[in-house]
């Protein structure tokens, strides 16, 4: 076969291969994968842990894009900030899908996405920060959060004044929100003011809207560890854990040995510190500080001194509990509530166990009554000044016969042989102090 024919055959094979490849290459959009991250409920350290894992999974499966499905009333600003940084570090496009609500910190994260799509009847906004539901935070933190919201809106080409109105009640926008009311946008309103790219019924319609029709949706489920972190870092659950830990510790101190109270206390503190450390809110040195504080208090209990070890141990323990929380303010509030509840719990538990005789080994529950053979000592103050005879040698204690009775007596330190006359100098409680008659009374 000539060289020309060989080249012709090779060219035909290459051309045929290209014809076969082109249809597959052109249809590759249908084989794309889109990762779905679901943010529902309160945004907390557990949410941050889940989202971090979810973005790792999105990279592992080589996802073409990420959809974040929002159904949240908001949550911790610190956790939202951490999630926003995770979003910024992702290379592919991120689409926010508000179904049905992205409120407060959820609105902030939705603004951090490349595009926002909302379901009919959904809402976004109302981003006024609060301190554990106890009231508004101070102006410094409010100003910071407003700037964060406005800055995120500007970054995506949206009106920053609308974002500010979601944070501050004092901002009024004609035709949109009155002064004194926080701004919350519906799906239609969000489109009108440029805070949404469209209204879609579900994730499939969202894919069509962004030109990825036929792409495979890949929901990423949260892990057990993420759920555990959410539970243990919740202010409510964290307060309960602290209450159990402190209450169990108190019961263990007032009872002998090591029992169920001590085990419960250790488990509660382990969950509290373990969850906060796993969430990245605390370092291991906080746990070391807690153990060090407990050790100092034990040293004070074993070797009582001037209270230096006890005070230092108490300060170390309380500081570690506060520093392990999501914020110092949150930690102080949780600790205060936990101390009050644990005090009530300890009193009730003490009474319960006492009534059932479960603390007999540390509490004297018997009453010394005459029915049981207990007799109170006689009042012998009337013996003062009376004379008697030493029945035994007094060295310095012994027995003397006074007023016709054998009485245990003691001298002031002198030796008095038996048979000698003695006189009662004074009576101190149950002690009858005697002397020789020829000795003057001690003044």
Protein backbone atom coordinates (compact mmCIF):
# COMPACT_ATOMS: atom_id res chain seq x y z
CA UNK A 1 0.00 0.00 0.00
CA UNK A 2 1.33 3.35 -0.99
CA UNK A 3 2.12 6.11 1.47
CA UNK A 4 -0.67 8.31 0.04
CA UNK A 5 -3.31 5.65 0.70
CA UNK A 6 -2.09 5.15 4.29
CA UNK A 7 -2.31 8.86 5.00
CA UNK A 8 -5.80 8.95 3.47
CA UNK A 9 -6.96 6.10 5.73
CA UNK A 10 -5.53 7.82 8.84
CA UNK A 11 -7.28 11.07 7.94
CA UNK A 12 -10.61 9.29 7.42
CA UNK A 13 -10.26 7.58 10.85
CA UNK A 14 -9.46 10.85 12.60
CA UNK A 15 -12.35 12.64 10.88
CA UNK A 16 -14.76 9.81 11.78
CA UNK A 17 -13.63 9.93 15.42
CA UNK A 18 -14.27 13.66 15.56
CA UNK A 19 -17.76 13.19 14.13
CA UNK A 20 -18.49 10.60 16.82
CA UNK A 21 -17.04 12.76 19.66
CA UNK A 22 -18.74 16.05 18.75
CA UNK A 23 -22.32 14.94 19.63
CA UNK A 24 -21.13 13.65 23.00
CA UNK A 25 -19.14 16.80 23.64
CA UNK A 26 -22.08 18.95 22.70
CA UNK A 27 -24.35 17.03 25.09
CA UNK A 28 -21.98 17.14 28.04
CA UNK A 29 -24.14 19.78 29.74
CA UNK A 30 -26.66 17.09 30.59
CA UNK A 31 -23.96 15.20 32.48
CA UNK A 32 -22.93 18.11 34.67
CA UNK A 33 -23.30 17.77 38.43
CA UNK A 34 -24.62 20.52 40.68
CA UNK A 35 -24.06 20.14 44.43
CA UNK A 36 -26.93 21.13 46.72
CA UNK A 37 -26.20 22.48 50.21
CA UNK A 38 -29.23 22.80 52.49
CA UNK A 39 -29.10 25.50 55.19
CA UNK A 40 -32.18 25.03 57.34
CA UNK A 41 -32.96 26.05 60.90
CA UNK A 42 -30.65 28.21 62.96
CA UNK A 43 -27.28 29.09 61.44
CA UNK A 44 -24.80 27.98 64.09
CA UNK A 45 -21.32 26.42 64.36
CA UNK A 46 -22.81 23.08 63.33
CA UNK A 47 -24.06 24.70 60.11
CA UNK A 48 -20.59 26.05 59.44
CA UNK A 49 -19.10 22.59 60.00
CA UNK A 50 -21.61 21.06 57.56
CA UNK A 51 -21.08 23.73 54.87
CA UNK A 52 -17.31 23.33 55.09
CA UNK A 53 -17.70 19.58 54.53
CA UNK A 54 -20.23 20.19 51.73
CA UNK A 55 -17.85 22.41 49.76
CA UNK A 56 -15.15 19.78 50.12
CA UNK A 57 -17.57 17.22 48.68
CA UNK A 58 -18.48 19.62 45.84
CA UNK A 59 -14.82 19.84 44.90
CA UNK A 60 -14.39 16.07 45.21
CA UNK A 61 -17.23 15.33 42.76
CA UNK A 62 -16.03 18.19 40.51
CA UNK A 63 -19.40 19.96 40.71
CA UNK A 64 -20.03 22.54 37.99
CA UNK A 65 -21.96 24.74 40.42
CA UNK A 66 -23.43 24.84 43.91
CA UNK A 67 -27.01 25.60 44.93
CA UNK A 68 -27.51 26.71 48.55
CA UNK A 69 -31.10 26.01 49.58
CA UNK A 70 -32.17 28.45 52.34
CA UNK A 71 -34.91 27.87 54.90
CA UNK A 72 -33.58 29.72 57.94
CA UNK A 73 -34.65 32.38 60.45
CA UNK A 74 -31.01 33.41 60.88
CA UNK A 75 -28.48 32.61 63.56
CA UNK A 76 -25.01 33.53 64.78
CA UNK A 77 -23.22 36.33 62.96
CA UNK A 78 -19.84 34.66 63.58
CA UNK A 79 -21.03 31.44 61.94
CA UNK A 80 -22.49 33.35 58.97
CA UNK A 81 -19.18 35.19 58.52
CA UNK A 82 -17.29 31.89 58.52
CA UNK A 83 -19.68 30.40 55.93
CA UNK A 84 -19.35 33.50 53.74
CA UNK A 85 -15.58 33.02 53.68
CA UNK A 86 -16.11 29.40 52.59
CA UNK A 87 -18.33 30.66 49.77
CA UNK A 88 -15.71 33.19 48.68
CA UNK A 89 -13.07 30.46 48.48
CA UNK A 90 -15.15 28.29 46.14
CA UNK A 91 -14.16 28.68 42.47
CA UNK A 92 -17.45 27.71 40.79
CA UNK A 93 -20.73 29.66 40.63
CA UNK A 94 -22.98 29.63 43.71
CA UNK A 95 -26.73 30.11 43.42
CA UNK A 96 -28.92 31.01 46.39
CA UNK A 97 -32.32 29.31 46.39
CA UNK A 98 -34.64 30.91 48.95
CA UNK A 99 -37.26 28.31 49.80
CA UNK A 100 -39.10 29.69 51.66
CA UNK A 101 -37.13 32.12 53.90
CA UNK A 102 -33.69 33.66 54.19
CA UNK A 103 -33.96 35.90 57.22
CA UNK A 104 -31.22 37.81 59.09
CA UNK A 105 -27.94 35.87 58.72
CA UNK A 106 -29.64 33.84 55.97
CA UNK A 107 -30.19 37.04 53.97
CA UNK A 108 -26.50 37.91 54.39
CA UNK A 109 -25.44 34.53 52.98
CA UNK A 110 -27.95 34.78 50.13
CA UNK A 111 -26.40 38.14 49.18
CA UNK A 112 -22.99 36.46 49.17
CA UNK A 113 -24.11 34.11 46.37
CA UNK A 114 -23.56 34.94 42.69
CA UNK A 115 -27.29 34.95 41.96
CA UNK A 116 -30.49 34.71 44.02
CA UNK A 117 -33.64 32.82 43.06
CA UNK A 118 -36.76 32.63 45.20
CA UNK A 119 -39.86 30.46 45.30
CA UNK A 120 -43.33 32.05 45.13
CA UNK A 121 -44.30 33.41 48.55
CA UNK A 122 -40.75 33.33 49.92
CA UNK A 123 -39.12 36.21 51.83
CA UNK A 124 -35.67 37.66 52.42
CA UNK A 125 -34.46 40.34 54.85
CA UNK A 126 -35.19 41.34 58.50
CA UNK A 127 -31.51 41.20 59.41
CA UNK A 128 -31.52 43.14 62.68
CA UNK A 129 -29.03 41.44 65.04
CA UNK A 130 -30.06 40.54 68.57
CA UNK A 131 -28.28 39.22 71.65
CA UNK A 132 -29.66 35.72 72.28
CA UNK A 133 -33.16 37.09 71.83
CA UNK A 134 -32.70 39.39 74.86
CA UNK A 135 -32.59 42.64 72.94
CA UNK A 136 -30.63 44.69 70.45
CA UNK A 137 -26.83 44.75 70.42
CA UNK A 138 -24.85 47.95 70.87
CA UNK A 139 -24.33 50.55 68.15
CA UNK A 140 -20.77 49.41 67.40
CA UNK A 141 -21.77 45.89 66.47
CA UNK A 142 -24.94 47.09 64.73
CA UNK A 143 -22.89 49.44 62.56
CA UNK A 144 -20.47 46.65 61.69
CA UNK A 145 -23.27 44.28 60.67
CA UNK A 146 -24.97 46.98 58.58
CA UNK A 147 -21.69 47.62 56.76
CA UNK A 148 -21.27 43.90 56.12
CA UNK A 149 -24.75 43.62 54.61
CA UNK A 150 -24.37 46.77 52.51
CA UNK A 151 -20.90 45.77 51.35
CA UNK A 152 -22.11 42.35 50.26
CA UNK A 153 -24.93 43.97 48.27
CA UNK A 154 -22.52 46.37 46.57
CA UNK A 155 -20.24 43.50 45.63
CA UNK A 156 -23.07 41.89 43.70
CA UNK A 157 -24.22 45.15 42.13
CA UNK A 158 -27.30 45.54 44.33
CA UNK A 159 -28.58 48.68 46.09
CA UNK A 160 -26.73 48.87 49.47
CA UNK A 161 -29.43 51.11 51.00
CA UNK A 162 -31.92 48.24 50.75
CA UNK A 163 -29.51 45.97 52.64
CA UNK A 164 -29.07 48.67 55.30
CA UNK A 165 -32.86 48.93 55.66
CA UNK A 166 -32.91 45.22 56.45
CA UNK A 167 -30.65 45.94 59.43
CA UNK A 168 -31.80 49.34 60.75
CA UNK A 169 -35.36 50.31 61.58
CA UNK A 170 -34.59 54.01 61.17
CA UNK A 171 -34.08 53.82 57.39
CA UNK A 172 -37.05 54.67 55.19
CA UNK A 173 -37.25 54.02 51.43
CA UNK A 174 -40.11 55.54 49.44
CA UNK A 175 -42.55 52.93 48.27
CA UNK A 176 -40.64 50.12 49.96
CA UNK A 177 -40.39 50.49 53.75
CA UNK A 178 -41.39 53.04 56.39
CA UNK A 179 -39.18 54.35 59.17
CA UNK A 180 -39.29 52.16 62.27
CA UNK A 181 -39.92 48.96 60.31
CA UNK A 182 -37.34 46.40 59.21
CA UNK A 183 -37.33 45.68 55.49
CA UNK A 184 -38.36 42.21 54.35
CA UNK A 185 -38.75 41.53 50.61
CA UNK A 186 -41.19 39.14 49.00
CA UNK A 187 -40.22 37.23 45.87
CA UNK A 188 -41.87 39.73 43.52
CA UNK A 189 -40.52 42.76 45.38
CA UNK A 190 -37.03 41.27 45.37
CA UNK A 191 -37.13 41.04 41.55
CA UNK A 192 -38.36 44.63 41.25
CA UNK A 193 -35.50 46.06 43.35
CA UNK A 194 -32.81 43.80 41.92
CA UNK A 195 -32.43 41.50 44.89
CA UNK A 196 -33.48 38.38 42.97
CA UNK A 197 -32.73 37.11 39.48
CA UNK A 198 -36.03 35.27 39.20
CA UNK A 199 -38.86 33.31 40.79
CA UNK A 200 -38.74 29.54 40.33
CA UNK A 201 -40.86 26.72 41.67
CA UNK A 202 -38.06 24.29 42.47
CA UNK A 203 -34.41 23.43 41.92
CA UNK A 204 -35.05 22.02 38.47
CA UNK A 205 -36.49 25.33 37.27
CA UNK A 206 -33.51 27.08 38.83
CA UNK A 207 -31.18 24.94 36.70
CA UNK A 208 -33.14 25.92 33.59
CA UNK A 209 -32.92 29.59 34.58
CA UNK A 210 -29.12 29.46 34.84
CA UNK A 211 -28.68 27.49 31.62
CA UNK A 212 -27.88 24.14 33.20
CA UNK A 213 -31.03 22.22 32.27
CA UNK A 214 -30.49 18.49 32.56
CA UNK A 215 -27.65 18.78 35.07
CA UNK A 216 -27.69 16.20 37.85
CA UNK A 217 -28.54 17.51 41.31
CA UNK A 218 -26.34 16.07 44.05
CA UNK A 219 -27.70 16.90 47.57
CA UNK A 220 -25.03 16.72 50.25
CA UNK A 221 -26.33 15.39 53.56
CA UNK A 222 -25.05 16.62 56.89
CA UNK A 223 -22.99 14.29 59.05
CA UNK A 224 -23.72 13.06 62.57
CA UNK A 225 -20.83 15.17 63.83
CA UNK A 226 -22.38 18.29 62.30
CA UNK A 227 -25.67 17.59 64.09
CA UNK A 228 -23.84 16.94 67.34
CA UNK A 229 -21.93 20.21 67.03
CA UNK A 230 -25.20 22.09 66.38
CA UNK A 231 -26.77 20.59 69.49
CA UNK A 232 -23.87 21.10 71.86
CA UNK A 233 -23.17 24.67 70.73
CA UNK A 234 -26.80 25.73 70.98
CA UNK A 235 -27.20 28.27 73.84
CA UNK A 236 -30.17 26.30 75.21
CA UNK A 237 -28.49 22.89 75.07
CA UNK A 238 -25.19 24.38 76.21
CA UNK A 239 -26.88 25.91 79.26
CA UNK A 240 -28.48 22.55 80.10
CA UNK A 241 -25.11 20.82 79.78
CA UNK A 242 -23.52 23.38 82.10
CA UNK A 243 -26.38 22.97 84.58
CA UNK A 244 -25.89 19.19 84.64
CA UNK A 245 -22.12 19.57 84.85
CA UNK A 246 -22.15 22.07 87.74
CA UNK A 247 -25.02 20.37 89.59
CA UNK A 248 -23.43 16.95 89.28
CA UNK A 249 -20.11 18.34 90.49
CA UNK A 250 -21.76 19.86 93.57
CA UNK A 251 -23.57 16.60 94.42
CA UNK A 252 -20.34 14.66 93.96
CA UNK A 253 -18.48 16.98 96.34
CA UNK A 254 -21.04 16.65 99.14
CA UNK A 255 -21.37 12.87 98.77
CA UNK A 256 -18.83 10.18 99.54
CA UNK A 257 -17.03 8.28 96.81
CA UNK A 258 -17.52 8.62 93.04
CA UNK A 259 -20.94 7.84 91.61
CA UNK A 260 -23.54 8.65 88.99
CA UNK A 261 -23.44 12.40 89.69
CA UNK A 262 -19.73 12.53 88.90
CA UNK A 263 -20.16 10.51 85.70
CA UNK A 264 -23.00 12.78 84.51
CA UNK A 265 -20.95 15.86 85.34
CA UNK A 266 -17.94 14.62 83.37
CA UNK A 267 -20.11 13.65 80.38
CA UNK A 268 -21.87 17.03 80.34
CA UNK A 269 -18.63 19.02 80.47
CA UNK A 270 -17.08 16.74 77.83
CA UNK A 271 -19.98 17.40 75.44
CA UNK A 272 -19.89 21.13 76.14
CA UNK A 273 -16.16 21.60 75.55
CA UNK A 274 -15.94 18.91 72.85
CA UNK A 275 -18.71 20.48 70.77
CA UNK A 276 -17.24 23.97 70.98
CA UNK A 277 -13.75 22.74 70.15
CA UNK A 278 -15.05 20.68 67.20
CA UNK A 279 -16.91 23.78 65.95
CA UNK A 280 -13.69 25.79 66.01
CA UNK A 281 -14.99 28.24 68.60
CA UNK A 282 -12.44 27.16 71.20
CA UNK A 283 -8.95 25.71 71.30
CA UNK A 284 -7.73 22.78 73.39
CA UNK A 285 -6.02 25.15 75.83
CA UNK A 286 -9.49 26.17 77.06
CA UNK A 287 -10.14 22.57 78.09
CA UNK A 288 -6.71 22.45 79.74
CA UNK A 289 -7.60 25.64 81.65
CA UNK A 290 -10.82 24.00 82.87
CA UNK A 291 -9.02 20.85 84.08
CA UNK A 292 -6.36 23.02 85.73
CA UNK A 293 -9.07 24.97 87.59
CA UNK A 294 -10.72 21.79 88.86
CA UNK A 295 -7.32 20.50 90.00
CA UNK A 296 -6.65 23.70 91.97
CA UNK A 297 -10.00 23.43 93.74
CA UNK A 298 -9.24 19.82 94.66
CA UNK A 299 -5.90 20.92 96.09
CA UNK A 300 -7.73 23.52 98.20
CA UNK A 301 -10.14 20.83 99.44
CA UNK A 302 -7.34 18.41 100.38
CA UNK A 303 -4.91 20.95 101.80
CA UNK A 304 -6.89 23.93 103.09
CA UNK A 305 -4.88 27.09 103.07
CA UNK A 306 -5.72 30.72 102.72
CA UNK A 307 -8.13 30.10 99.79
CA UNK A 308 -5.57 31.03 97.11
CA UNK A 309 -5.83 27.70 95.31
CA UNK A 310 -9.61 27.64 95.61
CA UNK A 311 -10.09 31.17 94.27
CA UNK A 312 -7.62 30.64 91.43
CA UNK A 313 -9.26 27.33 90.55
CA UNK A 314 -12.74 28.86 90.53
CA UNK A 315 -11.61 31.76 88.31
CA UNK A 316 -9.88 29.37 85.90
CA UNK A 317 -12.93 27.11 85.68
CA UNK A 318 -15.40 29.94 85.09
CA UNK A 319 -13.11 31.63 82.56
CA UNK A 320 -12.72 28.42 80.55
CA UNK A 321 -16.51 27.93 80.39
CA UNK A 322 -17.05 31.51 79.17
CA UNK A 323 -14.19 31.43 76.63
CA UNK A 324 -15.43 28.16 75.12
CA UNK A 325 -18.79 29.71 74.16
CA UNK A 326 -19.59 31.33 70.81
CA UNK A 327 -18.96 34.76 72.41
CA UNK A 328 -18.03 36.16 75.82
CA UNK A 329 -21.49 37.68 76.27
CA UNK A 330 -23.20 34.43 75.36
CA UNK A 331 -20.89 32.49 77.67
CA UNK A 332 -21.60 34.79 80.63
CA UNK A 333 -25.36 34.59 80.15
CA UNK A 334 -25.27 30.80 79.79
CA UNK A 335 -23.08 30.44 82.87
CA UNK A 336 -25.28 32.70 85.00
CA UNK A 337 -28.45 30.81 84.07
CA UNK A 338 -26.72 27.45 84.55
CA UNK A 339 -25.47 28.38 88.04
CA UNK A 340 -28.96 29.43 89.15
CA UNK A 341 -30.59 26.31 87.69
CA UNK A 342 -27.91 23.98 89.08
CA UNK A 343 -28.35 25.50 92.55
CA UNK A 344 -32.09 24.81 92.42
CA UNK A 345 -31.43 21.35 90.99
CA UNK A 346 -28.87 20.52 93.70
CA UNK A 347 -31.20 21.59 96.52
CA UNK A 348 -34.11 19.56 95.14
CA UNK A 349 -31.90 16.53 94.53
CA UNK A 350 -30.41 16.79 98.02
CA UNK A 351 -33.86 16.84 99.58
CA UNK A 352 -35.05 13.95 97.41
CA UNK A 353 -32.13 11.71 98.31
CA UNK A 354 -32.27 12.70 101.97
CA UNK A 355 -35.94 11.78 102.29
CA UNK A 356 -35.23 8.34 100.86
CA UNK A 357 -32.28 7.69 103.12
CA UNK A 358 -29.85 7.57 100.22
CA UNK A 359 -27.41 9.92 102.02
CA UNK A 360 -27.26 8.10 105.36
CA UNK A 361 -23.54 7.45 104.90
CA UNK A 362 -22.78 11.19 105.02
CA UNK A 363 -25.72 12.68 106.95
CA UNK A 364 -26.61 11.95 110.60
CA UNK A 365 -30.30 11.14 110.34
CA UNK A 366 -30.81 9.59 113.81
CA UNK A 367 -32.10 11.69 116.71
CA UNK A 368 -30.66 11.06 120.17
CA UNK A 369 -33.90 10.59 122.10
CA UNK A 370 -34.58 9.05 125.51
CA UNK A 371 -36.50 6.23 123.81
CA UNK A 372 -33.25 5.10 122.22
CA UNK A 373 -31.37 5.22 125.55
CA UNK A 374 -29.72 8.61 125.13
CA UNK A 375 -29.55 10.68 128.35
CA UNK A 376 -28.39 14.28 128.50
CA UNK A 377 -25.56 15.01 130.97
CA UNK A 378 -26.66 16.33 134.39
CA UNK A 379 -26.29 19.98 135.25
CA UNK A 380 -23.58 19.89 138.00
CA UNK A 381 -23.08 23.60 138.54
CA UNK A 382 -24.61 23.23 142.04
CA UNK A 383 -21.49 21.30 143.13
CA UNK A 384 -19.35 24.45 143.08
CA UNK A 385 -17.89 25.04 146.58
CA UNK A 386 -18.84 21.58 147.96
CA UNK A 387 -16.27 19.32 149.63
CA UNK A 388 -15.71 15.64 148.94
CA UNK A 389 -13.20 12.79 149.20
CA UNK A 390 -10.90 11.61 146.42
CA UNK A 391 -11.87 8.00 145.76
CA UNK A 392 -8.93 7.47 143.40
CA UNK A 393 -5.67 9.27 143.00
CA UNK A 394 -6.16 12.38 140.87
CA UNK A 395 -3.34 12.47 138.23
CA UNK A 396 -4.87 15.01 137.53
CA UNK A 397 -8.15 13.26 136.63
CA UNK A 398 -9.92 10.62 138.63
CA UNK A 399 -13.02 10.01 140.77
CA UNK A 400 -14.22 11.77 143.89
CA UNK A 401 -17.24 11.28 146.13
CA UNK A 402 -19.13 14.55 146.37
CA UNK A 403 -22.65 15.09 147.69
CA UNK A 404 -22.93 11.33 148.16
CA UNK A 405 -22.18 10.59 144.47
CA UNK A 406 -19.14 9.29 142.58
CA UNK A 407 -18.19 12.01 140.12
CA UNK A 408 -15.45 12.20 137.53
CA UNK A 409 -13.24 15.16 138.44
CA UNK A 410 -10.02 16.82 137.35
CA UNK A 411 -7.53 18.99 139.21
CA UNK A 412 -5.88 22.14 137.96
CA UNK A 413 -2.72 20.10 137.43
CA UNK A 414 -1.89 19.08 141.00
CA UNK A 415 -1.57 15.49 142.19
CA UNK A 416 -4.00 14.55 144.97
CA UNK A 417 -3.74 11.06 146.48
CA UNK A 418 -6.85 9.01 147.23
CA UNK A 419 -8.58 9.65 150.57
CA UNK A 420 -7.70 13.34 150.57
CA UNK A 421 -10.34 16.00 151.02
CA UNK A 422 -11.12 18.02 147.90
CA UNK A 423 -13.30 21.02 147.22
CA UNK A 424 -15.04 21.81 143.94
CA UNK A 425 -13.41 24.93 142.55
CA UNK A 426 -15.66 25.37 139.51
CA UNK A 427 -17.75 23.51 136.92
CA UNK A 428 -17.17 24.00 133.16
CA UNK A 429 -19.77 22.12 131.17
CA UNK A 430 -19.26 18.47 132.10
CA UNK A 431 -15.82 19.10 133.70
CA UNK A 432 -15.76 19.30 137.51
CA UNK A 433 -12.51 20.94 138.60
CA UNK A 434 -11.36 20.30 142.21
CA UNK A 435 -8.47 21.39 144.49
CA UNK A 436 -7.18 20.84 147.98
CA UNK A 437 -9.04 22.90 150.62
CA UNK A 438 -5.79 24.46 151.75
CA UNK A 439 -5.15 25.94 148.31
CA UNK A 440 -6.62 29.29 147.38
CA UNK A 441 -9.16 29.42 144.59
CA UNK A 442 -7.63 30.28 141.19
CA UNK A 443 -8.80 33.61 139.95
